[in-house]
């Protein structure tokens, strides 16, 4: 992954867009799609749960890898899809949303968005769901 890219804006200077900008934009756009539970794989889901428990914010670039050139970019995403969703339709919606967001905000041409579905999320199977089930939560666990 390159540190940043410089995009020419004609005769009055250049604009430099860092890889992190493209990665954040792609990550946010992917998470906006219905059926995407999370980005990243099982290990990154566990790290996300740990971050939430210690009060750290979620890393929006988790599960996102980008290659940025002067005028083009390629994006790789790892996603977890909600069970019951049509995976191929979710992937296509993610691809479309990411391309639109990145091209609109950066002016770079997105040449490809590769998506790897690393897991399917089953409601109630997430470790985060267990955090409020302690006796002090007021729930009757008996």
C-alpha atoms as a PDB file:
ATOM      1  CA  UNK A   1       0.000   0.000   0.000  1.00  0.00           C
ATOM      2  CA  UNK A   2       1.487   3.322  -1.072  1.00  0.00           C
ATOM      3  CA  UNK A   3       1.825   6.190   1.398  1.00  0.00           C
ATOM      4  CA  UNK A   4      -0.133   8.634  -0.728  1.00  0.00           C
ATOM      5  CA  UNK A   5      -0.804   9.740  -4.259  1.00  0.00           C
ATOM      6  CA  UNK A   6      -0.589  12.994  -6.124  1.00  0.00           C
ATOM      7  CA  UNK A   7      -3.329  13.847  -8.568  1.00  0.00           C
ATOM      8  CA  UNK A   8      -2.738  16.629 -11.072  1.00  0.00           C
ATOM      9  CA  UNK A   9      -5.325  19.383 -11.163  1.00  0.00           C
ATOM     10  CA  UNK A  10      -4.128  21.153 -14.249  1.00  0.00           C
ATOM     11  CA  UNK A  11      -2.019  24.253 -14.284  1.00  0.00           C
ATOM     12  CA  UNK A  12      -2.616  25.560 -10.756  1.00  0.00           C
ATOM     13  CA  UNK A  13      -1.174  22.853  -8.552  1.00  0.00           C
ATOM     14  CA  UNK A  14      -1.699  19.325  -7.322  1.00  0.00           C
ATOM     15  CA  UNK A  15      -3.889  17.555  -4.824  1.00  0.00           C
ATOM     16  CA  UNK A  16      -2.460  14.761  -2.683  1.00  0.00           C
ATOM     17  CA  UNK A  17      -4.884  12.098  -1.489  1.00  0.00           C
ATOM     18  CA  UNK A  18      -3.581   9.722   1.184  1.00  0.00           C
ATOM     19  CA  UNK A  19      -4.345   6.010   0.931  1.00  0.00           C
ATOM     20  CA  UNK A  20      -6.107   6.266   4.291  1.00  0.00           C
ATOM     21  CA  UNK A  21      -8.645   8.666   2.780  1.00  0.00           C
ATOM     22  CA  UNK A  22      -9.585   6.163   0.080  1.00  0.00           C
ATOM     23  CA  UNK A  23      -9.667   3.303   2.602  1.00  0.00           C
ATOM     24  CA  UNK A  24     -11.897   5.228   5.039  1.00  0.00           C
ATOM     25  CA  UNK A  25     -14.259   6.311   2.285  1.00  0.00           C
ATOM     26  CA  UNK A  26     -14.537   2.735   1.007  1.00  0.00           C
ATOM     27  CA  UNK A  27     -15.038   1.346   4.524  1.00  0.00           C
ATOM     28  CA  UNK A  28     -17.798   3.797   5.358  1.00  0.00           C
ATOM     29  CA  UNK A  29     -19.539   3.210   2.014  1.00  0.00           C
ATOM     30  CA  UNK A  30     -19.398  -0.578   2.444  1.00  0.00           C
ATOM     31  CA  UNK A  31     -20.894  -0.397   5.936  1.00  0.00           C
ATOM     32  CA  UNK A  32     -23.837   1.655   4.609  1.00  0.00           C
ATOM     33  CA  UNK A  33     -25.129  -1.321   2.609  1.00  0.00           C
ATOM     34  CA  UNK A  34     -27.990  -3.350   4.071  1.00  0.00           C
ATOM     35  CA  UNK A  35     -26.855  -6.911   4.778  1.00  0.00           C
ATOM     36  CA  UNK A  36     -23.265  -6.027   5.676  1.00  0.00           C
ATOM     37  CA  UNK A  37     -22.792  -6.974   9.306  1.00  0.00           C
ATOM     38  CA  UNK A  38     -19.112  -6.019   9.544  1.00  0.00           C
ATOM     39  CA  UNK A  39     -15.910  -5.624   7.603  1.00  0.00           C
ATOM     40  CA  UNK A  40     -12.975  -7.938   8.176  1.00  0.00           C
ATOM     41  CA  UNK A  41     -12.897 -11.561   9.216  1.00  0.00           C
ATOM     42  CA  UNK A  42     -13.539 -13.472  12.390  1.00  0.00           C
ATOM     43  CA  UNK A  43     -10.278 -12.333  14.019  1.00  0.00           C
ATOM     44  CA  UNK A  44     -10.990  -8.689  13.248  1.00  0.00           C
ATOM     45  CA  UNK A  45     -14.544  -9.096  14.591  1.00  0.00           C
ATOM     46  CA  UNK A  46     -13.053 -10.280  17.873  1.00  0.00           C
ATOM     47  CA  UNK A  47     -10.694  -7.289  17.949  1.00  0.00           C
ATOM     48  CA  UNK A  48     -13.675  -5.006  17.256  1.00  0.00           C
ATOM     49  CA  UNK A  49     -15.498  -6.500  20.232  1.00  0.00           C
ATOM     50  CA  UNK A  50     -12.432  -5.897  22.428  1.00  0.00           C
ATOM     51  CA  UNK A  51     -12.195  -2.279  21.204  1.00  0.00           C
ATOM     52  CA  UNK A  52     -15.858  -1.677  22.062  1.00  0.00           C
ATOM     53  CA  UNK A  53     -15.407  -3.107  25.543  1.00  0.00           C
ATOM     54  CA  UNK A  54     -12.445  -0.864  26.320  1.00  0.00           C
ATOM     55  CA  UNK A  55     -14.164   2.168  24.847  1.00  0.00           C
ATOM     56  CA  UNK A  56     -12.040   2.562  21.707  1.00  0.00           C
ATOM     57  CA  UNK A  57     -13.662   3.653  18.485  1.00  0.00           C
ATOM     58  CA  UNK A  58     -14.148   1.275  15.567  1.00  0.00           C
ATOM     59  CA  UNK A  59     -11.478   1.311  12.871  1.00  0.00           C
ATOM     60  CA  UNK A  60     -13.381   2.141   9.675  1.00  0.00           C
ATOM     61  CA  UNK A  61     -10.493   0.833   7.561  1.00  0.00           C
ATOM     62  CA  UNK A  62     -10.707  -2.651   9.099  1.00  0.00           C
ATOM     63  CA  UNK A  63     -11.176  -5.160   6.280  1.00  0.00           C
ATOM     64  CA  UNK A  64     -10.178  -2.607   3.629  1.00  0.00           C
ATOM     65  CA  UNK A  65      -7.028  -2.640   1.520  1.00  0.00           C
ATOM     66  CA  UNK A  66      -6.343  -0.125  -1.249  1.00  0.00           C
ATOM     67  CA  UNK A  67      -3.808   0.468  -3.979  1.00  0.00           C
ATOM     68  CA  UNK A  68      -3.777   4.077  -5.104  1.00  0.00           C
ATOM     69  CA  UNK A  69      -2.121   5.475  -8.200  1.00  0.00           C
ATOM     70  CA  UNK A  70      -2.128   8.981  -9.601  1.00  0.00           C
ATOM     71  CA  UNK A  71      -5.553   8.735 -11.224  1.00  0.00           C
ATOM     72  CA  UNK A  72      -6.872   5.269 -10.340  1.00  0.00           C
ATOM     73  CA  UNK A  73      -7.441   3.042  -7.345  1.00  0.00           C
ATOM     74  CA  UNK A  74      -8.191  -0.624  -6.670  1.00  0.00           C
ATOM     75  CA  UNK A  75      -9.941  -1.713  -3.492  1.00  0.00           C
ATOM     76  CA  UNK A  76     -10.103  -5.065  -1.683  1.00  0.00           C
ATOM     77  CA  UNK A  77     -12.782  -5.604   0.961  1.00  0.00           C
ATOM     78  CA  UNK A  78     -13.433  -8.424   3.413  1.00  0.00           C
ATOM     79  CA  UNK A  79     -17.026  -8.482   4.635  1.00  0.00           C
ATOM     80  CA  UNK A  80     -19.300 -10.436   6.944  1.00  0.00           C
ATOM     81  CA  UNK A  81     -22.838 -10.760   5.580  1.00  0.00           C
ATOM     82  CA  UNK A  82     -25.995 -11.127   7.664  1.00  0.00           C
ATOM     83  CA  UNK A  83     -27.491 -14.619   7.416  1.00  0.00           C
ATOM     84  CA  UNK A  84     -30.484 -14.757   5.087  1.00  0.00           C
ATOM     85  CA  UNK A  85     -29.216 -12.067   2.728  1.00  0.00           C
ATOM     86  CA  UNK A  86     -28.397 -12.914  -0.885  1.00  0.00           C
ATOM     87  CA  UNK A  87     -24.616 -12.739  -0.716  1.00  0.00           C
ATOM     88  CA  UNK A  88     -24.131 -11.973  -4.404  1.00  0.00           C
ATOM     89  CA  UNK A  89     -26.631  -9.090  -4.202  1.00  0.00           C
ATOM     90  CA  UNK A  90     -25.019  -7.664  -1.058  1.00  0.00           C
ATOM     91  CA  UNK A  91     -21.596  -7.867  -2.714  1.00  0.00           C
ATOM     92  CA  UNK A  92     -22.847  -6.077  -5.836  1.00  0.00           C
ATOM     93  CA  UNK A  93     -24.509  -3.362  -3.735  1.00  0.00           C
ATOM     94  CA  UNK A  94     -21.290  -2.905  -1.770  1.00  0.00           C
ATOM     95  CA  UNK A  95     -19.276  -2.699  -4.987  1.00  0.00           C
ATOM     96  CA  UNK A  96     -21.633  -0.085  -6.478  1.00  0.00           C
ATOM     97  CA  UNK A  97     -21.769   2.025  -3.302  1.00  0.00           C
ATOM     98  CA  UNK A  98     -17.996   1.969  -2.812  1.00  0.00           C
ATOM     99  CA  UNK A  99     -17.296   2.925  -6.433  1.00  0.00           C
ATOM    100  CA  UNK A 100     -19.781   5.777  -6.314  1.00  0.00           C
ATOM    101  CA  UNK A 101     -18.508   7.133  -2.984  1.00  0.00           C
ATOM    102  CA  UNK A 102     -14.795   6.908  -3.803  1.00  0.00           C
ATOM    103  CA  UNK A 103     -15.120   8.366  -7.300  1.00  0.00           C
ATOM    104  CA  UNK A 104     -17.394  11.176  -6.066  1.00  0.00           C
ATOM    105  CA  UNK A 105     -15.238  12.182  -3.116  1.00  0.00           C
ATOM    106  CA  UNK A 106     -11.722  11.689  -4.481  1.00  0.00           C
ATOM    107  CA  UNK A 107     -12.033  12.059  -8.241  1.00  0.00           C
ATOM    108  CA  UNK A 108     -10.020   8.847  -8.668  1.00  0.00           C
ATOM    109  CA  UNK A 109     -11.263   6.195 -11.087  1.00  0.00           C
ATOM    110  CA  UNK A 110     -12.038   2.953  -9.261  1.00  0.00           C
ATOM    111  CA  UNK A 111     -10.782   0.209 -11.571  1.00  0.00           C
ATOM    112  CA  UNK A 112     -11.882  -2.706  -9.380  1.00  0.00           C
ATOM    113  CA  UNK A 113     -13.472  -3.588  -6.069  1.00  0.00           C
ATOM    114  CA  UNK A 114     -12.678  -7.153  -5.000  1.00  0.00           C
ATOM    115  CA  UNK A 115     -14.871  -8.535  -2.246  1.00  0.00           C
ATOM    116  CA  UNK A 116     -14.175 -11.547  -0.052  1.00  0.00           C
ATOM    117  CA  UNK A 117     -17.032 -12.767   2.125  1.00  0.00           C
ATOM    118  CA  UNK A 118     -15.262 -14.127   5.194  1.00  0.00           C
ATOM    119  CA  UNK A 119     -18.262 -15.122   7.308  1.00  0.00           C
ATOM    120  CA  UNK A 120     -22.023 -15.118   7.692  1.00  0.00           C
ATOM    121  CA  UNK A 121     -23.408 -13.494  10.838  1.00  0.00           C
ATOM    122  CA  UNK A 122     -26.097 -15.370  12.748  1.00  0.00           C
ATOM    123  CA  UNK A 123     -28.101 -13.118  15.071  1.00  0.00           C
ATOM    124  CA  UNK A 124     -27.371 -13.966  18.684  1.00  0.00           C
ATOM    125  CA  UNK A 125     -24.033 -15.618  17.921  1.00  0.00           C
ATOM    126  CA  UNK A 126     -21.943 -12.465  18.343  1.00  0.00           C
ATOM    127  CA  UNK A 127     -19.887 -12.115  21.517  1.00  0.00           C
ATOM    128  CA  UNK A 128     -21.157  -8.532  21.867  1.00  0.00           C
ATOM    129  CA  UNK A 129     -24.654  -9.899  22.483  1.00  0.00           C
ATOM    130  CA  UNK A 130     -23.404 -11.474  25.737  1.00  0.00           C
ATOM    131  CA  UNK A 131     -22.122  -8.231  27.253  1.00  0.00           C
ATOM    132  CA  UNK A 132     -25.478  -7.213  28.780  1.00  0.00           C
ATOM    133  CA  UNK A 133     -26.426 -10.652  30.127  1.00  0.00           C
ATOM    134  CA  UNK A 134     -24.742 -10.312  33.492  1.00  0.00           C
ATOM    135  CA  UNK A 135     -26.878 -10.589  36.665  1.00  0.00           C
ATOM    136  CA  UNK A 136     -26.425  -6.848  37.249  1.00  0.00           C
ATOM    137  CA  UNK A 137     -28.229  -6.035  33.994  1.00  0.00           C
ATOM    138  CA  UNK A 138     -31.586  -6.678  35.622  1.00  0.00           C
ATOM    139  CA  UNK A 139     -32.409  -9.646  33.393  1.00  0.00           C
ATOM    140  CA  UNK A 140     -33.635 -12.849  34.923  1.00  0.00           C
ATOM    141  CA  UNK A 141     -31.142 -15.452  33.780  1.00  0.00           C
ATOM    142  CA  UNK A 142     -32.638 -18.257  35.874  1.00  0.00           C
END
